[in-house]
C-alpha atoms as a PDB file:
ATOM      1  CA  MET A   1     106.215 112.410  66.871  1.00  0.00           C
ATOM      2  CA  THR A   2     107.063 114.633  69.153  1.00  0.00           C
ATOM      3  CA  LEU A   3     110.626 114.003  71.568  1.00  0.00           C
ATOM      4  CA  GLU A   4     110.160 115.690  75.237  1.00  0.00           C
ATOM      5  CA  HIS A   5     113.447 116.051  76.200  1.00  0.00           C
ATOM      6  CA  PRO A   6     115.194 115.790  72.821  1.00  0.00           C
ATOM      7  CA  ASP A   7     118.545 116.825  74.661  1.00  0.00           C
ATOM      8  CA  VAL A   8     118.150 113.314  76.338  1.00  0.00           C
ATOM      9  CA  TYR A   9     117.485 111.228  73.927  1.00  0.00           C
ATOM     10  CA  GLU A  10     120.512 112.734  71.599  1.00  0.00           C
ATOM     11  CA  ARG A  11     123.414 111.811  75.121  1.00  0.00           C
ATOM     12  CA  LEU A  12     121.180 108.200  75.508  1.00  0.00           C
ATOM     13  CA  THR A  13     121.423 107.132  72.182  1.00  0.00           C
ATOM     14  CA  ASP A  14     125.317 107.341  71.791  1.00  0.00           C
ATOM     15  CA  VAL A  15     124.242 105.445  75.588  1.00  0.00           C
ATOM     16  CA  PHE A  16     123.152 103.054  74.007  1.00  0.00           C
ATOM     17  CA  ARG A  17     124.815 102.449  70.909  1.00  0.00           C
ATOM     18  CA  ASP A  18     128.166 102.347  73.345  1.00  0.00           C
ATOM     19  CA  VAL A  19     126.633  99.875  75.209  1.00  0.00           C
ATOM     20  CA  PHE A  20     124.582  97.113  73.230  1.00  0.00           C
ATOM     21  CA  GLN A  21     127.536  97.816  70.008  1.00  0.00           C
ATOM     22  CA  ASP A  22     124.721  98.840  67.756  1.00  0.00           C
ATOM     23  CA  ASP A  23     125.044 101.957  66.226  1.00  0.00           C
ATOM     24  CA  ASP A  24     121.112 101.892  63.753  1.00  0.00           C
ATOM     25  CA  ILE A  25     119.654 101.779  67.498  1.00  0.00           C
ATOM     26  CA  VAL A  26     117.007 104.085  67.276  1.00  0.00           C
ATOM     27  CA  LEU A  27     115.419 104.935  70.717  1.00  0.00           C
ATOM     28  CA  PHE A  28     111.624 105.821  71.613  1.00  0.00           C
ATOM     29  CA  PRO A  29     109.992 106.774  74.764  1.00  0.00           C
ATOM     30  CA  GLU A  30     108.203 103.176  74.717  1.00  0.00           C
ATOM     31  CA  MET A  31     111.201 101.606  73.721  1.00  0.00           C
ATOM     32  CA  THR A  32     111.235  98.522  76.952  1.00  0.00           C
ATOM     33  CA  ALA A  33     114.082  96.001  77.483  1.00  0.00           C
ATOM     34  CA  ALA A  34     111.687  93.691  74.987  1.00  0.00           C
ATOM     35  CA  ASP A  35     112.547  95.776  71.873  1.00  0.00           C
ATOM     36  CA  VAL A  36     116.487  95.297  72.140  1.00  0.00           C
ATOM     37  CA  ASP A  37     118.336  92.941  71.429  1.00  0.00           C
ATOM     38  CA  GLY A  38     121.457  91.688  73.862  1.00  0.00           C
ATOM     39  CA  TRP A  39     118.944  94.040  76.884  1.00  0.00           C
ATOM     40  CA  ASP A  40     119.191  91.096  79.739  1.00  0.00           C
ATOM     41  CA  SER A  41     120.482  91.651  83.521  1.00  0.00           C
ATOM     42  CA  LEU A  42     123.943  92.259  82.958  1.00  0.00           C
ATOM     43  CA  ALA A  43     123.572  94.212  80.662  1.00  0.00           C
ATOM     44  CA  ASN A  44     121.202  96.274  82.291  1.00  0.00           C
ATOM     45  CA  ILE A  45     123.340  97.412  84.929  1.00  0.00           C
ATOM     46  CA  ARG A  46     125.470  98.095  82.577  1.00  0.00           C
ATOM     47  CA  LEU A  47     123.336 100.807  80.923  1.00  0.00           C
ATOM     48  CA  ILE A  48     122.316 102.099  84.211  1.00  0.00           C
ATOM     49  CA  LEU A  49     126.065 103.022  84.823  1.00  0.00           C
ATOM     50  CA  ALA A  50     127.354 104.202  81.471  1.00  0.00           C
ATOM     51  CA  VAL A  51     123.858 106.911  82.836  1.00  0.00           C
ATOM     52  CA  GLU A  52     125.137 107.547  85.419  1.00  0.00           C
ATOM     53  CA  THR A  53     128.950 108.377  84.311  1.00  0.00           C
ATOM     54  CA  ALA A  54     127.196 109.879  80.847  1.00  0.00           C
ATOM     55  CA  PHE A  55     124.651 112.233  81.827  1.00  0.00           C
ATOM     56  CA  SER A  56     126.846 112.948  85.723  1.00  0.00           C
ATOM     57  CA  ILE A  57     124.037 111.881  88.425  1.00  0.00           C
ATOM     58  CA  ARG A  58     123.441 108.872  89.785  1.00  0.00           C
ATOM     59  CA  LEU A  59     120.070 106.315  90.050  1.00  0.00           C
ATOM     60  CA  SER A  60     119.572 104.205  92.603  1.00  0.00           C
ATOM     61  CA  ALA A  61     118.662 100.790  92.829  1.00  0.00           C
ATOM     62  CA  ALA A  62     114.792 101.894  93.587  1.00  0.00           C
ATOM     63  CA  GLN A  63     115.098 103.842  91.347  1.00  0.00           C
ATOM     64  CA  ALA A  64     116.417 102.818  88.830  1.00  0.00           C
ATOM     65  CA  ALA A  65     113.739  98.819  89.268  1.00  0.00           C
ATOM     66  CA  SER A  66     110.965 101.187  89.100  1.00  0.00           C
ATOM     67  CA  LEU A  67     111.836 102.305  85.594  1.00  0.00           C
ATOM     68  CA  ALA A  68     109.063 100.622  83.073  1.00  0.00           C
ATOM     69  CA  LYS A  69     109.548 101.674  79.806  1.00  0.00           C
ATOM     70  CA  LEU A  70     112.565 103.811  77.654  1.00  0.00           C
ATOM     71  CA  GLY A  71     110.757 107.530  79.056  1.00  0.00           C
ATOM     72  CA  ASP A  72     110.091 106.805  82.130  1.00  0.00           C
ATOM     73  CA  LEU A  73     114.393 106.555  81.916  1.00  0.00           C
ATOM     74  CA  VAL A  74     114.250 111.000  80.177  1.00  0.00           C
ATOM     75  CA  SER A  75     111.478 111.922  82.319  1.00  0.00           C
ATOM     76  CA  LEU A  76     113.901 110.538  86.277  1.00  0.00           C
ATOM     77  CA  ILE A  77     117.671 111.678  83.624  1.00  0.00           C
ATOM     78  CA  ALA A  78     114.843 115.642  83.092  1.00  0.00           C
ATOM     79  CA  SER A  79     114.613 115.285  86.288  1.00  0.00           C
ATOM     80  CA  LYS A  80     117.826 114.517  87.963  1.00  0.00           C
ATOM     81  CA  ILE A  81     119.503 117.722  85.797  1.00  0.00           C
ATOM     82  CA  GLN A  82     116.657 119.174  87.011  1.00  0.00           C
ATOM     83  CA  GLN A  83     117.250 119.575  90.410  1.00  0.00           C
ATOM     84  CA  LYS A  84     120.677 120.321  89.598  1.00  0.00           C
ATOM     85  CA  LYS A  85     120.395 123.393  88.603  1.00  0.00           C
END
Protein backbone atom coordinates (compact mmCIF):
# COMPACT_ATOMS: atom_id res chain seq x y z
CA MET A 1 0.00 0.00 0.00
CA THR A 2 1.38 3.40 -0.99
CA LEU A 3 0.35 6.25 1.24
CA GLU A 4 -0.47 9.60 -0.25
CA HIS A 5 1.20 12.36 1.79
CA PRO A 6 3.62 10.09 3.71
CA ASP A 7 5.08 13.05 5.64
CA VAL A 8 1.61 13.88 6.99
CA TYR A 9 1.06 10.26 8.03
CA GLU A 10 4.41 10.21 9.81
CA ARG A 11 3.65 13.30 11.88
CA LEU A 12 0.06 12.23 12.41
CA THR A 13 1.19 8.86 13.77
CA ASP A 14 3.01 10.68 16.57
CA VAL A 15 -0.15 12.68 17.32
CA PHE A 16 -2.33 9.55 17.43
CA ARG A 17 0.14 7.68 19.63
CA ASP A 18 0.23 10.60 22.05
CA VAL A 19 -3.55 11.22 22.16
CA PHE A 20 -4.46 7.54 22.52
CA GLN A 21 -1.38 6.63 24.59
CA ASP A 22 -0.65 3.67 22.33
CA ASP A 23 2.77 3.35 20.72
CA ASP A 24 1.54 0.50 18.53
CA ILE A 25 -1.06 2.45 16.52
CA VAL A 26 -0.47 2.10 12.79
CA LEU A 27 -2.43 4.52 10.64
CA PHE A 28 -4.04 3.64 7.32
CA PRO A 29 -6.26 5.65 4.96
CA GLU A 30 -9.49 3.75 5.66
CA MET A 31 -9.09 3.95 9.47
CA THR A 32 -12.12 5.18 11.42
CA ALA A 33 -12.86 5.75 15.09
CA ALA A 34 -14.14 2.18 15.27
CA ASP A 35 -10.59 0.94 14.58
CA VAL A 36 -9.03 2.63 17.63
CA ASP A 37 -9.76 1.69 21.24
CA GLY A 38 -10.86 4.75 23.17
CA TRP A 39 -11.68 6.94 20.16
CA ASP A 40 -14.86 8.47 21.48
CA SER A 41 -16.25 12.00 21.15
CA LEU A 42 -13.97 13.43 23.86
CA ALA A 43 -10.92 11.77 22.34
CA ASN A 44 -11.96 13.15 18.97
CA ILE A 45 -11.88 16.70 20.36
CA ARG A 46 -8.45 16.08 21.88
CA LEU A 47 -7.29 14.60 18.57
CA ILE A 48 -8.48 17.57 16.50
CA LEU A 49 -6.83 20.02 18.90
CA ALA A 50 -3.59 18.03 18.82
CA VAL A 51 -3.69 17.92 15.00
CA GLU A 52 -4.19 21.68 14.85
CA THR A 53 -1.22 22.22 17.16
CA ALA A 54 1.07 19.71 15.45
CA PHE A 55 0.44 21.06 11.97
CA SER A 56 -0.15 24.74 12.88
CA ILE A 57 -3.53 24.74 11.15
CA ARG A 58 -7.13 25.41 12.14
CA LEU A 59 -10.04 23.12 11.30
CA SER A 60 -13.58 24.42 11.43
CA ALA A 61 -16.20 22.42 13.29
CA ALA A 62 -17.85 21.64 9.94
CA GLN A 63 -14.57 20.37 8.50
CA ALA A 64 -13.91 18.18 11.54
CA ALA A 65 -17.46 16.82 11.48
CA SER A 66 -17.25 15.96 7.78
CA LEU A 67 -14.31 13.58 8.17
CA ALA A 68 -15.40 9.98 7.61
CA LYS A 69 -12.00 8.26 7.66
CA LEU A 70 -8.37 9.01 8.35
CA GLY A 71 -7.55 9.51 4.67
CA ASP A 72 -10.00 12.43 4.64
CA LEU A 73 -8.17 14.04 7.55
CA VAL A 74 -4.80 13.54 5.86
CA SER A 75 -6.06 15.16 2.65
CA LEU A 76 -7.50 18.07 4.61
CA ILE A 77 -4.25 18.58 6.51
CA ALA A 78 -2.26 18.46 3.27
CA SER A 79 -4.55 21.03 1.63
CA LYS A 80 -4.31 23.33 4.66
CA ILE A 81 -0.51 23.09 4.60
CA GLN A 82 -0.51 23.82 0.86
CA GLN A 83 -2.73 26.88 1.37
CA LYS A 84 -0.20 28.30 3.84
CA LYS A 85 2.62 28.19 1.29
